[in-house]
Amino acid sequence: MRAVVFEDFKTFPVLKDIEKPTPGPGEVLLKVAGAGACHSDVAIFQDFEANNPAGLKPGFVLGHENSGWIEEVGPGVTGFNKGEAYLVYGPIGCGRCRACSRGQDTYCLNAATNPYMGIGLGRNGGMAEYVTLPARNLVPLGDADPVAAAPLSDAGLTPYHAIKLALPKLNGGGKFALVIGLGGLGLVGVQILKALTGATIIATDSKPEAMAEAEMIGALTVPAGPDQVAKIREITGGNGVDAAFDFVGITPTITTAMQSMALMGRCTVVGIAGQPYDWSFFSAPYEVELTSTYWGTIEDLYDVVALYKSGLVVPQFTAYPMDQALEAYQLLVDGKVAGRAVVTPNA
């Protein structure tokens, strides 16, 4: 079968033929409907050699945002029928610690000794015609389109988890939420905020076309620039935003978020660019929480699918056939992907 393989650090992935996998005990073989191309994949093959907190080693198929149809089940697996559509929960923990017991494999207490982080993260992922994975990691889609759903396993789950934790700050009238970075995650984040809160949503980006998309789904927009914070504060009546979500994670965007905060607000850095931010007691409004999140739980993903099936979350994406998978990654590297790029190996 054809697959996009990460062969070495500082090396662009390759499209090659590899052996079709066979599901082991407790696993299923999924015929891949859609595989999202993510900036995290780019970080793996471009940047992780020098800064590799997860200890990932080259030599695996990319793709941690996946959906597909049941093709085959392994020993001991019941309750799945060939052709049924599922969304894939990407993280894989040890399955026996406290975090994994609540479906939060992202915070597995045994992560340091696990053989991989998840599907497409050390273990062969879904940027291929077929992928094997634990049956536990499947969330049913019913008759919903699995191709459009594929990005939701990260670009939907990650903002949902961050927003869910910030909901206490957005309860009540007259609340304001700020979304920084309107790529695949940010645009879904705007939709989730609209679905779950009554807050006024302010969105900002350097790309006019991204801000136009955000306006279409209900956000007020402020362009990046020297007057950015002043304009955000003007919209809030000078008080600042109650919750901010930075989907970039570089020093200037974190600074913008923190300078835009209201007293006792919550600023969540979701983007994994990893750049530093200098905090001081006198530069931040009192009792502002500056925190981070990473992906989400299996339970969260069920909630995301429910929002998708109800039409409250509609991912913006462009589909690419398998022959153009590397082109999709190059466009991602070049910053020319609007929304999400989804590879369809079995289109």
Protein backbone atom coordinates (compact mmCIF):
# COMPACT_ATOMS: atom_id res chain seq x y z
CA MET A 1 0.00 0.00 0.00
CA ARG A 2 1.08 3.63 -0.44
CA ALA A 3 2.03 5.71 2.58
CA VAL A 4 3.70 9.01 3.51
CA VAL A 5 6.73 8.05 5.59
CA PHE A 6 8.90 10.19 7.87
CA GLU A 7 12.34 8.70 7.21
CA ASP A 8 14.71 11.13 8.92
CA PHE A 9 14.97 14.49 10.66
CA LYS A 10 15.55 17.58 8.51
CA THR A 11 14.27 15.51 5.58
CA PHE A 12 11.00 15.93 3.70
CA PRO A 13 8.73 12.85 3.98
CA VAL A 14 8.44 10.43 1.08
CA LEU A 15 5.53 8.69 -0.62
CA LYS A 16 6.38 5.01 -0.95
CA ASP A 17 4.95 1.49 -1.01
CA ILE A 18 4.96 -0.39 2.30
CA GLU A 19 3.37 -3.62 3.50
CA LYS A 20 -0.33 -3.53 4.35
CA PRO A 21 -0.65 -4.01 8.14
CA THR A 22 -2.56 -6.74 9.95
CA PRO A 23 -4.55 -5.97 13.12
CA GLY A 24 -3.26 -7.60 16.30
CA PRO A 25 -5.23 -8.54 19.44
CA GLY A 26 -7.58 -5.74 20.43
CA GLU A 27 -6.95 -3.85 17.20
CA VAL A 28 -8.82 -3.04 14.02
CA LEU A 29 -7.67 -2.43 10.46
CA LEU A 30 -9.12 0.84 9.20
CA LYS A 31 -9.45 1.71 5.53
CA VAL A 32 -8.46 5.37 5.66
CA ALA A 33 -11.04 7.89 4.46
CA GLY A 34 -9.17 11.05 5.42
CA ALA A 35 -5.85 11.97 7.02
CA GLY A 36 -5.23 15.56 8.06
CA ALA A 37 -1.86 17.16 7.39
CA CYS A 38 -0.89 19.08 10.53
CA HIS A 39 1.82 21.59 11.47
CA SER A 40 2.87 19.08 14.14
CA ASP A 41 3.94 16.75 11.32
CA VAL A 42 6.08 19.54 9.88
CA ALA A 43 7.63 20.09 13.31
CA ILE A 44 8.53 16.40 13.44
CA PHE A 45 10.49 16.28 10.20
CA GLN A 46 11.85 19.85 10.34
CA ASP A 47 12.55 20.66 13.98
CA PHE A 48 12.36 17.68 16.33
CA GLU A 49 15.97 16.49 15.98
CA ALA A 50 17.20 19.31 18.22
CA ASN A 51 14.07 19.60 20.37
CA ASN A 52 12.30 16.27 20.66
CA PRO A 53 10.47 16.15 24.00
CA ALA A 54 8.64 12.96 23.09
CA GLY A 55 11.76 11.08 21.96
CA LEU A 56 10.28 10.28 18.54
CA LYS A 57 12.53 8.26 16.24
CA PRO A 58 12.38 8.36 12.42
CA GLY A 59 10.85 5.55 10.42
CA PHE A 60 7.06 5.70 10.70
CA VAL A 61 4.01 6.71 8.67
CA LEU A 62 2.74 10.21 9.42
CA GLY A 63 -0.89 11.12 10.08
CA HIS A 64 -2.45 11.60 13.53
CA GLU A 65 -5.77 13.08 12.30
CA ASN A 66 -7.61 10.12 10.83
CA SER A 67 -10.98 8.71 9.89
CA GLY A 68 -12.04 5.66 7.95
CA TRP A 69 -14.07 2.52 7.57
CA ILE A 70 -13.70 -0.79 9.36
CA GLU A 71 -11.92 -3.25 7.08
CA GLU A 72 -10.96 -6.04 9.47
CA VAL A 73 -10.87 -6.74 13.21
CA GLY A 74 -8.15 -8.46 15.19
CA PRO A 75 -8.44 -11.28 17.74
CA GLY A 76 -10.76 -10.51 20.64
CA VAL A 77 -12.48 -7.55 18.97
CA THR A 78 -16.26 -7.56 18.70
CA GLY A 79 -18.97 -4.99 18.04
CA PHE A 80 -17.53 -3.58 14.82
CA ASN A 81 -18.84 -4.24 11.32
CA LYS A 82 -17.01 -3.89 8.03
CA GLY A 83 -17.76 -0.58 6.33
CA GLU A 84 -18.76 1.36 9.45
CA ALA A 85 -17.25 4.85 9.65
CA TYR A 86 -15.19 6.03 12.63
CA LEU A 87 -13.07 8.95 13.77
CA VAL A 88 -9.75 8.04 15.39
CA TYR A 89 -8.54 9.24 18.79
CA GLY A 90 -4.82 9.65 18.10
CA PRO A 91 -3.02 9.48 21.47
CA ILE A 92 -2.10 6.08 22.89
CA GLY A 93 -1.05 5.84 26.53
CA CYS A 94 -0.20 2.85 28.68
CA GLY A 95 -3.89 2.11 29.26
CA ARG A 96 -3.46 1.38 32.97
CA CYS A 97 -2.60 4.65 34.78
CA ARG A 98 -5.00 7.17 36.30
CA ALA A 99 -4.86 9.51 33.29
CA CYS A 100 -5.53 6.74 30.77
CA SER A 101 -8.39 5.40 32.90
CA ARG A 102 -10.24 8.68 32.32
CA GLY A 103 -9.47 8.63 28.58
CA GLN A 104 -6.72 11.23 28.80
CA ASP A 105 -3.89 9.34 27.11
CA THR A 106 -2.21 12.68 26.35
CA TYR A 107 -1.20 12.94 30.01
CA CYS A 108 -0.26 9.27 30.49
CA LEU A 109 1.85 8.90 33.63
CA ASN A 110 4.05 6.33 31.88
CA ALA A 111 4.70 8.41 28.76
CA ALA A 112 8.47 8.26 29.26
CA THR A 113 8.52 4.47 28.89
CA ASN A 114 5.78 4.04 26.27
CA PRO A 115 7.01 2.87 22.83
CA TYR A 116 5.25 5.77 21.06
CA MET A 117 2.98 8.77 21.68
CA GLY A 118 0.19 7.72 19.39
CA ILE A 119 -0.99 7.00 15.89
CA GLY A 120 1.27 8.89 13.51
CA LEU A 121 3.48 9.87 16.44
CA GLY A 122 6.05 7.10 16.69
CA ARG A 123 3.58 4.42 15.57
CA ASN A 124 2.47 4.16 11.94
CA GLY A 125 -0.28 6.67 11.27
CA GLY A 126 -3.11 7.18 8.83
CA MET A 127 -1.34 8.94 5.97
CA ALA A 128 -1.69 5.61 4.17
CA GLU A 129 -4.32 3.44 2.55
CA TYR A 130 -4.76 1.41 5.75
CA VAL A 131 -3.84 1.80 9.41
CA THR A 132 -4.11 -0.45 12.47
CA LEU A 133 -5.08 0.95 15.86
CA PRO A 134 -6.61 -0.08 19.19
CA ALA A 135 -10.37 -0.60 18.90
CA ARG A 136 -10.74 1.57 22.02
CA ASN A 137 -9.56 4.59 20.01
CA LEU A 138 -12.53 4.66 17.65
CA VAL A 139 -15.44 7.11 17.91
CA PRO A 140 -18.45 6.24 15.70
CA LEU A 141 -19.49 8.66 12.96
CA GLY A 142 -22.67 6.93 11.83
CA ASP A 143 -23.65 8.25 8.42
CA ALA A 144 -21.66 11.51 8.75
CA ASP A 145 -19.00 12.19 6.11
CA PRO A 146 -15.72 10.73 7.42
CA VAL A 147 -13.50 12.76 5.07
CA ALA A 148 -14.75 16.08 6.40
CA ALA A 149 -14.57 14.71 9.95
CA ALA A 150 -10.89 13.69 9.79
CA PRO A 151 -9.42 17.04 10.96
CA LEU A 152 -11.65 17.01 14.02
CA SER A 153 -9.51 14.35 15.70
CA ASP A 154 -6.95 17.10 16.40
CA ALA A 155 -8.10 20.42 14.91
CA GLY A 156 -11.48 19.90 16.61
CA LEU A 157 -10.45 18.04 19.75
CA THR A 158 -7.62 20.38 20.74
CA PRO A 159 -9.62 23.65 20.71
CA TYR A 160 -12.63 21.91 22.26
CA HIS A 161 -10.60 20.73 25.26
CA ALA A 162 -9.04 24.17 25.76
CA ILE A 163 -12.40 25.94 25.50
CA LYS A 164 -14.15 23.43 27.76
CA LEU A 165 -11.66 24.14 30.55
CA ALA A 166 -12.18 27.90 30.13
CA LEU A 167 -16.00 27.83 30.16
CA PRO A 168 -16.28 29.09 33.77
CA LYS A 169 -14.66 32.34 32.61
CA LEU A 170 -17.24 32.72 29.81
CA ASN A 171 -20.41 31.92 31.73
CA GLY A 172 -22.88 34.81 31.95
CA GLY A 173 -23.61 37.86 29.85
CA GLY A 174 -21.22 40.44 28.50
CA LYS A 175 -18.27 38.05 28.14
CA PHE A 176 -15.53 38.27 25.51
CA ALA A 177 -13.34 35.55 24.00
CA LEU A 178 -10.23 36.11 21.88
CA VAL A 179 -8.96 33.68 19.22
CA ILE A 180 -5.43 34.30 17.92
CA GLY A 181 -4.45 32.39 14.76
CA LEU A 182 -7.12 31.39 12.26
CA GLY A 183 -5.70 28.22 10.75
CA GLY A 184 -7.42 24.85 11.00
CA LEU A 185 -7.66 24.90 14.81
CA GLY A 186 -8.53 28.57 15.20
CA LEU A 187 -11.44 28.50 12.76
CA VAL A 188 -12.89 25.43 14.46
CA GLY A 189 -12.29 27.16 17.80
CA VAL A 190 -14.47 30.07 16.72
CA GLN A 191 -17.28 27.64 15.87
CA ILE A 192 -16.96 25.81 19.19
CA LEU A 193 -17.05 29.10 21.14
CA LYS A 194 -20.17 30.10 19.24
CA ALA A 195 -21.81 26.74 19.95
CA LEU A 196 -20.94 26.55 23.66
CA THR A 197 -21.01 30.17 24.87
CA GLY A 198 -22.82 33.47 24.47
CA ALA A 199 -19.54 35.36 24.42
CA THR A 200 -18.61 37.96 21.85
CA ILE A 201 -15.83 36.32 19.83
CA ILE A 202 -12.90 38.44 18.67
CA ALA A 203 -10.57 36.80 16.14
CA THR A 204 -7.23 38.02 14.87
CA ASP A 205 -4.75 36.94 12.22
CA SER A 206 -2.31 38.44 9.73
CA LYS A 207 -4.15 36.93 6.73
CA PRO A 208 -7.21 38.85 5.45
CA GLU A 209 -8.71 35.71 3.90
CA ALA A 210 -8.55 33.89 7.25
CA MET A 211 -10.26 36.79 8.99
CA ALA A 212 -12.95 36.81 6.30
CA GLU A 213 -13.63 33.14 7.07
CA ALA A 214 -13.90 33.96 10.78
CA GLU A 215 -16.34 36.79 10.09
CA MET A 216 -18.53 34.42 8.09
CA ILE A 217 -18.88 32.14 11.12
CA GLY A 218 -19.69 34.87 13.60
CA ALA A 219 -16.49 36.53 14.85
CA LEU A 220 -15.49 40.17 15.04
CA THR A 221 -12.02 40.51 13.54
CA VAL A 222 -8.98 42.64 14.31
CA PRO A 223 -5.96 42.53 11.97
CA ALA A 224 -2.47 42.00 13.34
CA GLY A 225 -0.47 45.17 13.71
CA PRO A 226 0.71 47.85 16.12
CA ASP A 227 -2.87 48.84 17.11
CA GLN A 228 -4.03 45.25 17.61
CA VAL A 229 -4.32 45.26 21.42
CA ALA A 230 -5.88 48.73 21.52
CA LYS A 231 -8.58 47.68 19.04
CA ILE A 232 -9.30 44.47 20.97
CA ARG A 233 -9.66 46.44 24.19
CA GLU A 234 -11.87 48.99 22.44
CA ILE A 235 -14.32 46.23 21.47
CA THR A 236 -14.46 45.09 25.10
CA GLY A 237 -15.15 48.58 26.41
CA GLY A 238 -11.62 48.82 27.72
CA ASN A 239 -11.93 45.88 30.12
CA GLY A 240 -10.20 43.20 28.07
CA VAL A 241 -11.20 39.66 27.18
CA ASP A 242 -12.30 37.04 29.71
CA ALA A 243 -10.66 34.14 27.87
CA ALA A 244 -7.99 34.08 25.18
CA PHE A 245 -6.88 31.14 23.05
CA ASP A 246 -3.54 31.47 21.27
CA PHE A 247 -3.38 28.90 18.47
CA VAL A 248 0.11 30.04 17.42
CA GLY A 249 2.26 30.06 20.55
CA ILE A 250 5.03 32.46 19.58
CA THR A 251 6.29 35.27 21.81
CA PRO A 252 4.39 38.10 20.00
CA THR A 253 1.04 36.23 20.03
CA ILE A 254 1.31 35.27 23.70
CA THR A 255 2.19 38.89 24.47
CA THR A 256 -0.84 40.11 22.51
CA ALA A 257 -3.10 37.71 24.37
CA MET A 258 -1.79 38.70 27.80
CA GLN A 259 -2.00 42.42 27.04
CA SER A 260 -5.62 41.91 25.97
CA MET A 261 -6.75 40.13 29.14
CA ALA A 262 -9.37 41.30 31.62
CA LEU A 263 -8.84 40.95 35.35
CA MET A 264 -9.17 37.31 36.50
CA GLY A 265 -9.24 36.05 32.91
CA ARG A 266 -7.76 32.85 31.48
CA CYS A 267 -5.16 32.84 28.69
CA THR A 268 -4.58 29.43 27.09
CA VAL A 269 -1.61 28.81 24.82
CA VAL A 270 -2.69 26.04 22.45
CA GLY A 271 -0.12 26.46 19.67
CA ILE A 272 3.06 24.46 20.11
CA ALA A 273 5.59 26.86 18.60
CA GLY A 274 7.22 26.78 22.04
CA GLN A 275 8.55 30.32 22.19
CA PRO A 276 9.07 31.98 25.60
CA TYR A 277 7.05 34.71 27.29
CA ASP A 278 8.37 37.02 30.02
CA TRP A 279 5.84 37.28 32.84
CA SER A 280 6.02 39.72 35.68
CA PHE A 281 3.63 40.64 38.48
CA PHE A 282 3.19 44.18 37.16
CA SER A 283 2.77 43.39 33.46
CA ALA A 284 -0.23 41.04 33.75
CA PRO A 285 -3.72 41.95 35.03
CA TYR A 286 -4.37 40.56 38.50
CA GLU A 287 -5.33 36.89 38.81
CA VAL A 288 -4.98 36.16 35.10
CA GLU A 289 -4.32 32.45 34.48
CA LEU A 290 -1.65 31.72 31.88
CA THR A 291 -1.83 28.05 30.99
CA SER A 292 -1.49 25.49 28.22
CA THR A 293 -3.37 22.42 27.05
CA TYR A 294 -2.52 19.47 24.85
CA TRP A 295 -5.04 17.62 22.68
CA GLY A 296 -7.95 16.24 24.78
CA THR A 297 -9.72 13.13 26.03
CA ILE A 298 -11.63 10.40 24.22
CA GLU A 299 -14.78 11.70 25.92
CA ASP A 300 -14.06 15.16 24.50
CA LEU A 301 -13.84 13.65 21.02
CA TYR A 302 -17.32 12.15 21.41
CA ASP A 303 -18.55 15.68 22.19
CA VAL A 304 -16.78 17.07 19.12
CA VAL A 305 -18.40 14.43 16.90
CA ALA A 306 -21.81 15.35 18.35
CA LEU A 307 -21.22 19.01 17.46
CA TYR A 308 -20.12 17.97 13.96
CA LYS A 309 -23.13 15.73 13.37
CA SER A 310 -25.48 18.49 14.54
CA GLY A 311 -23.95 20.94 12.05
CA LEU A 312 -22.56 23.28 14.70
CA VAL A 313 -18.94 22.56 13.69
CA VAL A 314 -18.06 22.39 10.00
CA PRO A 315 -14.32 21.99 9.30
CA GLN A 316 -12.83 24.09 6.51
CA PHE A 317 -10.61 21.78 4.46
CA THR A 318 -9.18 21.00 1.05
CA ALA A 319 -8.99 17.37 -0.06
CA TYR A 320 -5.91 15.96 -1.81
CA PRO A 321 -5.64 12.52 -3.43
CA MET A 322 -2.80 10.29 -2.29
CA ASP A 323 -0.73 11.21 -5.35
CA GLN A 324 -0.71 14.82 -4.09
CA ALA A 325 0.01 14.10 -0.43
CA LEU A 326 3.54 15.50 -0.56
CA GLU A 327 2.23 18.58 -2.37
CA ALA A 328 -0.19 19.11 0.53
CA TYR A 329 2.71 18.99 3.00
CA GLN A 330 4.75 21.42 0.90
CA LEU A 331 1.85 23.87 0.84
CA LEU A 332 1.63 23.49 4.61
CA VAL A 333 5.34 24.24 4.96
CA ASP A 334 4.91 27.30 2.71
CA GLY A 335 1.98 28.61 4.76
CA LYS A 336 -0.44 28.31 1.85
CA VAL A 337 -3.05 25.98 3.37
CA ALA A 338 -6.38 27.54 4.32
CA GLY A 339 -8.18 25.59 7.03
CA ARG A 340 -6.94 21.99 6.87
CA ALA A 341 -5.38 19.83 4.16
CA VAL A 342 -6.93 16.34 4.15
CA VAL A 343 -5.35 13.50 2.17
CA THR A 344 -7.85 10.91 0.88
CA PRO A 345 -5.88 7.67 0.24
CA ASN A 346 -8.94 5.70 -0.89
CA ALA A 347 -10.89 8.40 -2.73
